[in-house]
PDB file of all heavy atoms in Angstrom:
ATOM      1  N   LYS A   1       3.446 -17.766 -16.710  1.00  0.00           N
ATOM      2  CA  LYS A   1       2.102 -18.339 -16.726  1.00  0.00           C
ATOM      3  C   LYS A   1       1.103 -17.244 -17.060  1.00  0.00           C
ATOM      4  O   LYS A   1       1.125 -16.164 -16.467  1.00  0.00           O
ATOM      5  CB  LYS A   1       1.752 -18.964 -15.374  1.00  0.00           C
ATOM      6  CG  LYS A   1       0.417 -19.714 -15.383  1.00  0.00           C
ATOM      7  CD  LYS A   1       0.166 -20.428 -14.069  1.00  0.00           C
ATOM      8  CE  LYS A   1      -1.138 -21.238 -14.124  1.00  0.00           C
ATOM      9  NZ  LYS A   1      -1.392 -21.965 -12.856  1.00  0.00           N
ATOM     10  N   ALA A   2       0.226 -17.522 -18.008  1.00  0.00           N
ATOM     11  CA  ALA A   2      -0.724 -16.526 -18.515  1.00  0.00           C
ATOM     12  C   ALA A   2      -1.643 -16.010 -17.420  1.00  0.00           C
ATOM     13  O   ALA A   2      -2.010 -16.745 -16.497  1.00  0.00           O
ATOM     14  CB  ALA A   2      -1.553 -17.119 -19.652  1.00  0.00           C
ATOM     15  N   PHE A   3      -2.020 -14.748 -17.517  1.00  0.00           N
ATOM     16  CA  PHE A   3      -2.983 -14.147 -16.600  1.00  0.00           C
ATOM     17  C   PHE A   3      -4.366 -14.777 -16.788  1.00  0.00           C
ATOM     18  O   PHE A   3      -4.711 -15.254 -17.875  1.00  0.00           O
ATOM     19  CB  PHE A   3      -3.107 -12.643 -16.869  1.00  0.00           C
ATOM     20  CG  PHE A   3      -2.026 -11.806 -16.236  1.00  0.00           C
ATOM     21  CD1 PHE A   3      -1.017 -12.371 -15.480  1.00  0.00           C
ATOM     22  CD2 PHE A   3      -2.039 -10.430 -16.406  1.00  0.00           C
ATOM     23  CE1 PHE A   3      -0.040 -11.587 -14.902  1.00  0.00           C
ATOM     24  CE2 PHE A   3      -1.064  -9.635 -15.829  1.00  0.00           C
ATOM     25  CZ  PHE A   3      -0.056 -10.207 -15.077  1.00  0.00           C
ATOM     26  N   GLU A   4      -5.164 -14.705 -15.726  1.00  0.00           N
ATOM     27  CA  GLU A   4      -6.519 -15.257 -15.771  1.00  0.00           C
ATOM     28  C   GLU A   4      -7.376 -14.590 -16.840  1.00  0.00           C
ATOM     29  O   GLU A   4      -8.193 -15.245 -17.496  1.00  0.00           O
ATOM     30  CB  GLU A   4      -7.191 -15.102 -14.410  1.00  0.00           C
ATOM     31  CG  GLU A   4      -6.596 -15.986 -13.317  1.00  0.00           C
ATOM     32  CD  GLU A   4      -7.273 -15.778 -11.984  1.00  0.00           C
ATOM     33  OE1 GLU A   4      -8.219 -14.965 -11.922  1.00  0.00           O
ATOM     34  OE2 GLU A   4      -6.862 -16.421 -11.007  1.00  0.00           O
ATOM     35  N   LYS A   5      -7.235 -13.291 -17.015  1.00  0.00           N
ATOM     36  CA  LYS A   5      -8.095 -12.560 -17.948  1.00  0.00           C
ATOM     37  C   LYS A   5      -7.639 -12.679 -19.404  1.00  0.00           C
ATOM     38  O   LYS A   5      -8.325 -12.210 -20.311  1.00  0.00           O
ATOM     39  CB  LYS A   5      -8.173 -11.088 -17.542  1.00  0.00           C
ATOM     40  CG  LYS A   5      -8.863 -10.839 -16.209  1.00  0.00           C
ATOM     41  CD  LYS A   5     -10.299 -11.328 -16.195  1.00  0.00           C
ATOM     42  CE  LYS A   5     -10.983 -11.006 -14.877  1.00  0.00           C
ATOM     43  NZ  LYS A   5     -12.368 -11.515 -14.819  1.00  0.00           N
ATOM     44  N   MET A   6      -6.492 -13.292 -19.635  1.00  0.00           N
ATOM     45  CA  MET A   6      -6.079 -13.649 -20.997  1.00  0.00           C
ATOM     46  C   MET A   6      -5.339 -14.976 -20.896  1.00  0.00           C
ATOM     47  O   MET A   6      -4.117 -15.029 -20.948  1.00  0.00           O
ATOM     48  CB  MET A   6      -5.210 -12.568 -21.641  1.00  0.00           C
ATOM     49  CG  MET A   6      -4.945 -12.826 -23.120  1.00  0.00           C
ATOM     50  SD  MET A   6      -4.064 -11.482 -23.946  1.00  0.00           S
ATOM     51  CE  MET A   6      -3.845 -12.213 -25.587  1.00  0.00           C
ATOM     52  N   PRO A   7      -6.087 -16.078 -20.752  1.00  0.00           N
ATOM     53  CA  PRO A   7      -5.463 -17.372 -20.470  1.00  0.00           C
ATOM     54  C   PRO A   7      -4.715 -17.990 -21.643  1.00  0.00           C
ATOM     55  O   PRO A   7      -3.871 -18.857 -21.445  1.00  0.00           O
ATOM     56  CB  PRO A   7      -6.651 -18.247 -20.056  1.00  0.00           C
ATOM     57  CG  PRO A   7      -7.838 -17.609 -20.694  1.00  0.00           C
ATOM     58  CD  PRO A   7      -7.560 -16.140 -20.705  1.00  0.00           C
ATOM     59  N   GLN A   8      -5.019 -17.570 -22.859  1.00  0.00           N
ATOM     60  CA  GLN A   8      -4.289 -18.057 -24.029  1.00  0.00           C
ATOM     61  C   GLN A   8      -3.726 -16.883 -24.827  1.00  0.00           C
ATOM     62  O   GLN A   8      -4.283 -15.789 -24.814  1.00  0.00           O
ATOM     63  CB  GLN A   8      -5.192 -18.888 -24.937  1.00  0.00           C
ATOM     64  CG  GLN A   8      -5.493 -20.295 -24.430  1.00  0.00           C
ATOM     65  CD  GLN A   8      -6.750 -20.337 -23.579  1.00  0.00           C
ATOM     66  OE1 GLN A   8      -7.731 -19.669 -23.884  1.00  0.00           O
ATOM     67  NE2 GLN A   8      -6.731 -21.120 -22.513  1.00  0.00           N
ATOM     68  N   PHE A   9      -2.629 -17.136 -25.527  1.00  0.00           N
ATOM     69  CA  PHE A   9      -1.991 -16.084 -26.306  1.00  0.00           C
ATOM     70  C   PHE A   9      -2.796 -15.787 -27.566  1.00  0.00           C
ATOM     71  O   PHE A   9      -3.680 -16.553 -27.959  1.00  0.00           O
ATOM     72  CB  PHE A   9      -0.563 -16.489 -26.672  1.00  0.00           C
ATOM     73  CG  PHE A   9      -0.473 -17.468 -27.820  1.00  0.00           C
ATOM     74  CD1 PHE A   9      -0.281 -17.019 -29.120  1.00  0.00           C
ATOM     75  CD2 PHE A   9      -0.577 -18.835 -27.600  1.00  0.00           C
ATOM     76  CE1 PHE A   9      -0.209 -17.919 -30.183  1.00  0.00           C
ATOM     77  CE2 PHE A   9      -0.501 -19.742 -28.644  1.00  0.00           C
ATOM     78  CZ  PHE A   9      -0.314 -19.277 -29.937  1.00  0.00           C
ATOM     79  N   ALA A  10      -2.478 -14.676 -28.208  1.00  0.00           N
ATOM     80  CA  ALA A  10      -3.106 -14.302 -29.471  1.00  0.00           C
ATOM     81  C   ALA A  10      -2.028 -13.828 -30.436  1.00  0.00           C
ATOM     82  O   ALA A  10      -1.129 -13.070 -30.048  1.00  0.00           O
ATOM     83  CB  ALA A  10      -4.142 -13.201 -29.254  1.00  0.00           C
ATOM     84  N   ALA A  11      -2.086 -14.290 -31.654  1.00  0.00           N
ATOM     85  CA  ALA A  11      -1.121 -13.881 -32.672  1.00  0.00           C
ATOM     86  C   ALA A  11      -1.727 -12.767 -33.511  1.00  0.00           C
ATOM     87  O   ALA A  11      -2.745 -12.973 -34.176  1.00  0.00           O
ATOM     88  CB  ALA A  11      -0.750 -15.058 -33.561  1.00  0.00           C
ATOM     89  N   PRO A  12      -1.164 -11.566 -33.480  1.00  0.00           N
ATOM     90  CA  PRO A  12      -1.734 -10.453 -34.253  1.00  0.00           C
ATOM     91  C   PRO A  12      -1.538 -10.648 -35.751  1.00  0.00           C
ATOM     92  O   PRO A  12      -0.655 -11.397 -36.186  1.00  0.00           O
ATOM     93  CB  PRO A  12      -0.931  -9.247 -33.748  1.00  0.00           C
ATOM     94  CG  PRO A  12       0.373  -9.824 -33.311  1.00  0.00           C
ATOM     95  CD  PRO A  12       0.061 -11.185 -32.757  1.00  0.00           C
ATOM     96  N   ASN A  13      -2.372  -9.964 -36.524  1.00  0.00           N
ATOM     97  CA  ASN A  13      -2.311 -10.062 -37.982  1.00  0.00           C
ATOM     98  C   ASN A  13      -2.354  -8.654 -38.558  1.00  0.00           C
ATOM     99  O   ASN A  13      -3.382  -7.979 -38.485  1.00  0.00           O
ATOM    100  CB  ASN A  13      -3.476 -10.901 -38.507  1.00  0.00           C
ATOM    101  CG  ASN A  13      -3.413 -11.095 -40.005  1.00  0.00           C
ATOM    102  OD1 ASN A  13      -2.349 -10.988 -40.605  1.00  0.00           O
ATOM    103  ND2 ASN A  13      -4.547 -11.379 -40.619  1.00  0.00           N
ATOM    104  N   TYR A  14      -1.228  -8.229 -39.112  1.00  0.00           N
ATOM    105  CA  TYR A  14      -1.146  -6.874 -39.659  1.00  0.00           C
ATOM    106  C   TYR A  14      -0.807  -6.914 -41.147  1.00  0.00           C
ATOM    107  O   TYR A  14      -0.080  -7.815 -41.604  1.00  0.00           O
ATOM    108  CB  TYR A  14      -0.055  -6.077 -38.940  1.00  0.00           C
ATOM    109  CG  TYR A  14      -0.381  -5.740 -37.505  1.00  0.00           C
ATOM    110  CD1 TYR A  14       0.401  -6.247 -36.463  1.00  0.00           C
ATOM    111  CD2 TYR A  14      -1.439  -4.905 -37.179  1.00  0.00           C
ATOM    112  CE1 TYR A  14       0.127  -5.930 -35.139  1.00  0.00           C
ATOM    113  CE2 TYR A  14      -1.725  -4.590 -35.864  1.00  0.00           C
ATOM    114  CZ  TYR A  14      -0.941  -5.106 -34.854  1.00  0.00           C
ATOM    115  OH  TYR A  14      -1.227  -4.791 -33.549  1.00  0.00           O
ATOM    116  N   PRO A  15      -1.308  -5.930 -41.904  1.00  0.00           N
ATOM    117  CA  PRO A  15      -0.962  -5.873 -43.325  1.00  0.00           C
ATOM    118  C   PRO A  15       0.441  -5.321 -43.562  1.00  0.00           C
ATOM    119  O   PRO A  15       0.997  -5.486 -44.644  1.00  0.00           O
ATOM    120  CB  PRO A  15      -2.029  -4.917 -43.899  1.00  0.00           C
ATOM    121  CG  PRO A  15      -2.397  -4.028 -42.749  1.00  0.00           C
ATOM    122  CD  PRO A  15      -2.299  -4.886 -41.530  1.00  0.00           C
ATOM    123  N   THR A  16       1.007  -4.682 -42.561  1.00  0.00           N
ATOM    124  CA  THR A  16       2.336  -4.080 -42.720  1.00  0.00           C
ATOM    125  C   THR A  16       3.420  -5.159 -42.703  1.00  0.00           C
ATOM    126  O   THR A  16       3.239  -6.250 -42.169  1.00  0.00           O
ATOM    127  CB  THR A  16       2.616  -3.075 -41.593  1.00  0.00           C
ATOM    128  OG1 THR A  16       2.312  -3.689 -40.330  1.00  0.00           O
ATOM    129  CG2 THR A  16       1.780  -1.830 -41.745  1.00  0.00           C
ATOM    130  N   SER A  17       4.562  -4.841 -43.294  1.00  0.00           N
ATOM    131  CA  SER A  17       5.679  -5.779 -43.329  1.00  0.00           C
ATOM    132  C   SER A  17       6.284  -5.926 -41.935  1.00  0.00           C
ATOM    133  O   SER A  17       6.103  -5.069 -41.066  1.00  0.00           O
ATOM    134  CB  SER A  17       6.757  -5.284 -44.302  1.00  0.00           C
ATOM    135  OG  SER A  17       7.317  -4.065 -43.836  1.00  0.00           O
ATOM    136  N   ALA A  18       7.024  -7.016 -41.729  1.00  0.00           N
ATOM    137  CA  ALA A  18       7.639  -7.278 -40.426  1.00  0.00           C
ATOM    138  C   ALA A  18       8.569  -6.146 -40.014  1.00  0.00           C
ATOM    139  O   ALA A  18       8.671  -5.814 -38.828  1.00  0.00           O
ATOM    140  CB  ALA A  18       8.393  -8.597 -40.472  1.00  0.00           C
ATOM    141  N   SER A  19       9.231  -5.530 -40.981  1.00  0.00           N
ATOM    142  CA  SER A  19      10.184  -4.471 -40.663  1.00  0.00           C
ATOM    143  C   SER A  19       9.508  -3.223 -40.098  1.00  0.00           C
ATOM    144  O   SER A  19      10.144  -2.432 -39.400  1.00  0.00           O
ATOM    145  CB  SER A  19      10.983  -4.094 -41.910  1.00  0.00           C
ATOM    146  OG  SER A  19      10.115  -3.609 -42.935  1.00  0.00           O
ATOM    147  N   GLU A  20       8.208  -3.038 -40.376  1.00  0.00           N
ATOM    148  CA  GLU A  20       7.475  -1.874 -39.885  1.00  0.00           C
ATOM    149  C   GLU A  20       6.827  -2.104 -38.524  1.00  0.00           C
ATOM    150  O   GLU A  20       6.587  -1.170 -37.772  1.00  0.00           O
ATOM    151  CB  GLU A  20       6.370  -1.486 -40.877  1.00  0.00           C
ATOM    152  CG  GLU A  20       6.837  -0.923 -42.190  1.00  0.00           C
ATOM    153  CD  GLU A  20       5.651  -0.524 -43.062  1.00  0.00           C
ATOM    154  OE1 GLU A  20       5.078   0.552 -42.826  1.00  0.00           O
ATOM    155  OE2 GLU A  20       5.288  -1.326 -43.950  1.00  0.00           O
ATOM    156  N   ARG A  21       6.523  -3.358 -38.204  1.00  0.00           N
ATOM    157  CA  ARG A  21       5.756  -3.645 -37.001  1.00  0.00           C
ATOM    158  C   ARG A  21       6.562  -3.412 -35.730  1.00  0.00           C
ATOM    159  O   ARG A  21       7.782  -3.518 -35.725  1.00  0.00           O
ATOM    160  CB  ARG A  21       5.262  -5.099 -37.023  1.00  0.00           C
ATOM    161  CG  ARG A  21       4.265  -5.380 -38.111  1.00  0.00           C
ATOM    162  CD  ARG A  21       3.838  -6.835 -38.092  1.00  0.00           C
ATOM    163  NE  ARG A  21       3.741  -7.333 -39.469  1.00  0.00           N
ATOM    164  CZ  ARG A  21       3.999  -8.571 -39.835  1.00  0.00           C
ATOM    165  NH1 ARG A  21       4.386  -9.450 -38.931  1.00  0.00           N
ATOM    166  NH2 ARG A  21       3.872  -8.934 -41.087  1.00  0.00           N
ATOM    167  N   VAL A  22       5.821  -3.104 -34.665  1.00  0.00           N
ATOM    168  CA  VAL A  22       6.436  -2.878 -33.354  1.00  0.00           C
ATOM    169  C   VAL A  22       5.804  -3.837 -32.358  1.00  0.00           C
ATOM    170  O   VAL A  22       4.585  -3.874 -32.198  1.00  0.00           O
ATOM    171  CB  VAL A  22       6.230  -1.425 -32.874  1.00  0.00           C
ATOM    172  CG1 VAL A  22       6.826  -1.234 -31.475  1.00  0.00           C
ATOM    173  CG2 VAL A  22       6.851  -0.445 -33.859  1.00  0.00           C
ATOM    174  N   TYR A  23       6.645  -4.625 -31.704  1.00  0.00           N
ATOM    175  CA  TYR A  23       6.211  -5.518 -30.632  1.00  0.00           C
ATOM    176  C   TYR A  23       6.858  -4.989 -29.352  1.00  0.00           C
ATOM    177  O   TYR A  23       8.085  -4.955 -29.251  1.00  0.00           O
ATOM    178  CB  TYR A  23       6.652  -6.958 -30.902  1.00  0.00           C
ATOM    179  CG  TYR A  23       5.865  -7.647 -31.986  1.00  0.00           C
ATOM    180  CD1 TYR A  23       5.815  -7.135 -33.289  1.00  0.00           C
ATOM    181  CD2 TYR A  23       5.174  -8.810 -31.727  1.00  0.00           C
ATOM    182  CE1 TYR A  23       5.098  -7.759 -34.281  1.00  0.00           C
ATOM    183  CE2 TYR A  23       4.453  -9.460 -32.718  1.00  0.00           C
ATOM    184  CZ  TYR A  23       4.417  -8.929 -33.991  1.00  0.00           C
ATOM    185  OH  TYR A  23       3.688  -9.554 -34.980  1.00  0.00           O
ATOM    186  N   GLU A  24       6.028  -4.580 -28.421  1.00  0.00           N
ATOM    187  CA  GLU A  24       6.559  -3.983 -27.192  1.00  0.00           C
ATOM    188  C   GLU A  24       6.454  -4.980 -26.034  1.00  0.00           C
ATOM    189  O   GLU A  24       5.357  -5.374 -25.630  1.00  0.00           O
ATOM    190  CB  GLU A  24       5.813  -2.695 -26.837  1.00  0.00           C
ATOM    191  CG  GLU A  24       6.396  -2.022 -25.610  1.00  0.00           C
ATOM    192  CD  GLU A  24       5.873  -0.606 -25.395  1.00  0.00           C
ATOM    193  OE1 GLU A  24       5.107  -0.122 -26.259  1.00  0.00           O
ATOM    194  OE2 GLU A  24       6.226  -0.003 -24.379  1.00  0.00           O
ATOM    195  N   LEU A  25       7.597  -5.381 -25.536  1.00  0.00           N
ATOM    196  CA  LEU A  25       7.675  -6.293 -24.394  1.00  0.00           C
ATOM    197  C   LEU A  25       7.994  -5.468 -23.155  1.00  0.00           C
ATOM    198  O   LEU A  25       8.954  -4.706 -23.149  1.00  0.00           O
ATOM    199  CB  LEU A  25       8.767  -7.328 -24.626  1.00  0.00           C
ATOM    200  CG  LEU A  25       9.047  -8.310 -23.491  1.00  0.00           C
ATOM    201  CD1 LEU A  25       7.859  -9.245 -23.257  1.00  0.00           C
ATOM    202  CD2 LEU A  25      10.318  -9.114 -23.785  1.00  0.00           C
ATOM    203  N   ARG A  26       7.169  -5.625 -22.117  1.00  0.00           N
ATOM    204  CA  ARG A  26       7.386  -4.887 -20.876  1.00  0.00           C
ATOM    205  C   ARG A  26       7.512  -5.850 -19.698  1.00  0.00           C
ATOM    206  O   ARG A  26       6.823  -6.867 -19.638  1.00  0.00           O
ATOM    207  CB  ARG A  26       6.247  -3.898 -20.620  1.00  0.00           C
ATOM    208  CG  ARG A  26       6.246  -2.720 -21.571  1.00  0.00           C
ATOM    209  CD  ARG A  26       5.403  -1.576 -21.041  1.00  0.00           C
ATOM    210  NE  ARG A  26       5.495  -0.402 -21.888  1.00  0.00           N
ATOM    211  CZ  ARG A  26       5.200   0.840 -21.494  1.00  0.00           C
ATOM    212  NH1 ARG A  26       4.778   1.047 -20.254  1.00  0.00           N
ATOM    213  NH2 ARG A  26       5.316   1.860 -22.317  1.00  0.00           N
ATOM    214  N   SER A  27       8.379  -5.466 -18.778  1.00  0.00           N
ATOM    215  CA  SER A  27       8.551  -6.195 -17.523  1.00  0.00           C
ATOM    216  C   SER A  27       8.339  -5.227 -16.372  1.00  0.00           C
ATOM    217  O   SER A  27       8.973  -4.173 -16.327  1.00  0.00           O
ATOM    218  CB  SER A  27       9.955  -6.793 -17.445  1.00  0.00           C
ATOM    219  OG  SER A  27      10.214  -7.302 -16.151  1.00  0.00           O
ATOM    220  N   TYR A  28       7.423  -5.576 -15.475  1.00  0.00           N
ATOM    221  CA  TYR A  28       7.165  -4.753 -14.289  1.00  0.00           C
ATOM    222  C   TYR A  28       7.596  -5.530 -13.052  1.00  0.00           C
ATOM    223  O   TYR A  28       7.024  -6.580 -12.742  1.00  0.00           O
ATOM    224  CB  TYR A  28       5.670  -4.413 -14.174  1.00  0.00           C
ATOM    225  CG  TYR A  28       5.150  -3.448 -15.219  1.00  0.00           C
ATOM    226  CD1 TYR A  28       3.778  -3.296 -15.419  1.00  0.00           C
ATOM    227  CD2 TYR A  28       5.998  -2.699 -16.016  1.00  0.00           C
ATOM    228  CE1 TYR A  28       3.281  -2.418 -16.370  1.00  0.00           C
ATOM    229  CE2 TYR A  28       5.514  -1.825 -16.969  1.00  0.00           C
ATOM    230  CZ  TYR A  28       4.159  -1.686 -17.145  1.00  0.00           C
ATOM    231  OH  TYR A  28       3.674  -0.819 -18.095  1.00  0.00           O
ATOM    232  N   GLU A  29       8.596  -5.011 -12.371  1.00  0.00           N
ATOM    233  CA  GLU A  29       9.069  -5.632 -11.144  1.00  0.00           C
ATOM    234  C   GLU A  29       8.356  -5.010  -9.947  1.00  0.00           C
ATOM    235  O   GLU A  29       8.123  -3.793  -9.914  1.00  0.00           O
ATOM    236  CB  GLU A  29      10.580  -5.448 -10.998  1.00  0.00           C
ATOM    237  CG  GLU A  29      11.378  -6.090 -12.135  1.00  0.00           C
ATOM    238  CD  GLU A  29      12.858  -5.783 -12.038  1.00  0.00           C
ATOM    239  OE1 GLU A  29      13.362  -5.597 -10.900  1.00  0.00           O
ATOM    240  OE2 GLU A  29      13.518  -5.723 -13.102  1.00  0.00           O
ATOM    241  N   GLY A  30       8.012  -5.844  -8.970  1.00  0.00           N
ATOM    242  CA  GLY A  30       7.354  -5.360  -7.768  1.00  0.00           C
ATOM    243  C   GLY A  30       8.341  -5.252  -6.617  1.00  0.00           C
ATOM    244  O   GLY A  30       9.269  -6.056  -6.504  1.00  0.00           O
ATOM    245  N   PRO A  31       8.149  -4.273  -5.720  1.00  0.00           N
ATOM    246  CA  PRO A  31       9.059  -4.113  -4.590  1.00  0.00           C
ATOM    247  C   PRO A  31       8.979  -5.258  -3.591  1.00  0.00           C
ATOM    248  O   PRO A  31       9.968  -5.579  -2.933  1.00  0.00           O
ATOM    249  CB  PRO A  31       8.628  -2.786  -3.959  1.00  0.00           C
ATOM    250  CG  PRO A  31       7.250  -2.524  -4.465  1.00  0.00           C
ATOM    251  CD  PRO A  31       7.140  -3.192  -5.789  1.00  0.00           C
ATOM    252  N   THR A  32       7.815  -5.889  -3.471  1.00  0.00           N
ATOM    253  CA  THR A  32       7.625  -7.062  -2.608  1.00  0.00           C
ATOM    254  C   THR A  32       6.661  -8.007  -3.306  1.00  0.00           C
ATOM    255  O   THR A  32       5.965  -7.614  -4.262  1.00  0.00           O
ATOM    256  CB  THR A  32       7.021  -6.686  -1.234  1.00  0.00           C
ATOM    257  OG1 THR A  32       5.666  -6.230  -1.437  1.00  0.00           O
ATOM    258  CG2 THR A  32       7.822  -5.595  -0.541  1.00  0.00           C
ATOM    259  N   GLU A  33       6.584  -9.256  -2.826  1.00  0.00           N
ATOM    260  CA  GLU A  33       5.646 -10.204  -3.420  1.00  0.00           C
ATOM    261  C   GLU A  33       4.202  -9.705  -3.306  1.00  0.00           C
ATOM    262  O   GLU A  33       3.420  -9.818  -4.256  1.00  0.00           O
ATOM    263  CB  GLU A  33       5.757 -11.578  -2.753  1.00  0.00           C
ATOM    264  CG  GLU A  33       7.039 -12.341  -3.092  1.00  0.00           C
ATOM    265  CD  GLU A  33       8.134 -12.133  -2.065  1.00  0.00           C
ATOM    266  OE1 GLU A  33       8.123 -11.076  -1.384  1.00  0.00           O
ATOM    267  OE2 GLU A  33       8.993 -13.011  -1.927  1.00  0.00           O
ATOM    268  N   LYS A  34       3.841  -9.157  -2.154  1.00  0.00           N
ATOM    269  CA  LYS A  34       2.470  -8.704  -1.948  1.00  0.00           C
ATOM    270  C   LYS A  34       2.114  -7.559  -2.885  1.00  0.00           C
ATOM    271  O   LYS A  34       1.023  -7.541  -3.483  1.00  0.00           O
ATOM    272  CB  LYS A  34       2.270  -8.282  -0.494  1.00  0.00           C
ATOM    273  CG  LYS A  34       0.831  -7.881  -0.156  1.00  0.00           C
ATOM    274  CD  LYS A  34       0.666  -7.593   1.328  1.00  0.00           C
ATOM    275  CE  LYS A  34      -0.784  -7.233   1.659  1.00  0.00           C
ATOM    276  NZ  LYS A  34      -0.966  -6.995   3.115  1.00  0.00           N
ATOM    277  N   LEU A  35       3.020  -6.602  -3.047  1.00  0.00           N
ATOM    278  CA  LEU A  35       2.744  -5.473  -3.934  1.00  0.00           C
ATOM    279  C   LEU A  35       2.735  -5.920  -5.395  1.00  0.00           C
ATOM    280  O   LEU A  35       1.960  -5.411  -6.210  1.00  0.00           O
ATOM    281  CB  LEU A  35       3.768  -4.366  -3.695  1.00  0.00           C
ATOM    282  CG  LEU A  35       3.620  -3.634  -2.363  1.00  0.00           C
ATOM    283  CD1 LEU A  35       4.822  -2.739  -2.097  1.00  0.00           C
ATOM    284  CD2 LEU A  35       2.331  -2.812  -2.335  1.00  0.00           C
ATOM    285  N   TYR A  36       3.584  -6.876  -5.715  1.00  0.00           N
ATOM    286  CA  TYR A  36       3.573  -7.449  -7.063  1.00  0.00           C
ATOM    287  C   TYR A  36       2.220  -8.092  -7.353  1.00  0.00           C
ATOM    288  O   TYR A  36       1.638  -7.911  -8.434  1.00  0.00           O
ATOM    289  CB  TYR A  36       4.700  -8.463  -7.200  1.00  0.00           C
ATOM    290  CG  TYR A  36       4.447  -9.514  -8.245  1.00  0.00           C
ATOM    291  CD1 TYR A  36       4.577  -9.236  -9.601  1.00  0.00           C
ATOM    292  CD2 TYR A  36       4.042 -10.804  -7.884  1.00  0.00           C
ATOM    293  CE1 TYR A  36       4.326 -10.203 -10.568  1.00  0.00           C
ATOM    294  CE2 TYR A  36       3.788 -11.772  -8.833  1.00  0.00           C
ATOM    295  CZ  TYR A  36       3.933 -11.464 -10.177  1.00  0.00           C
ATOM    296  OH  TYR A  36       3.675 -12.412 -11.121  1.00  0.00           O
ATOM    297  N   GLU A  37       1.707  -8.870  -6.405  1.00  0.00           N
ATOM    298  CA  GLU A  37       0.407  -9.526  -6.584  1.00  0.00           C
ATOM    299  C   GLU A  37      -0.709  -8.504  -6.775  1.00  0.00           C
ATOM    300  O   GLU A  37      -1.674  -8.750  -7.506  1.00  0.00           O
ATOM    301  CB  GLU A  37       0.111 -10.427  -5.384  1.00  0.00           C
ATOM    302  CG  GLU A  37       0.989 -11.675  -5.350  1.00  0.00           C
ATOM    303  CD  GLU A  37       0.904 -12.418  -4.034  1.00  0.00           C
ATOM    304  OE1 GLU A  37       0.110 -11.979  -3.160  1.00  0.00           O
ATOM    305  OE2 GLU A  37       1.601 -13.432  -3.866  1.00  0.00           O
TER     306      GLU A  37
END
């Protein structure tokens, strides 16, 4: 579910070819629910 400060996604637009582009996906796990929040 999207964060409040970016409620909708955005599709980037680059002049470079797909083979050059970098999409970085990150996952941050929290030690507890409270610390995650």
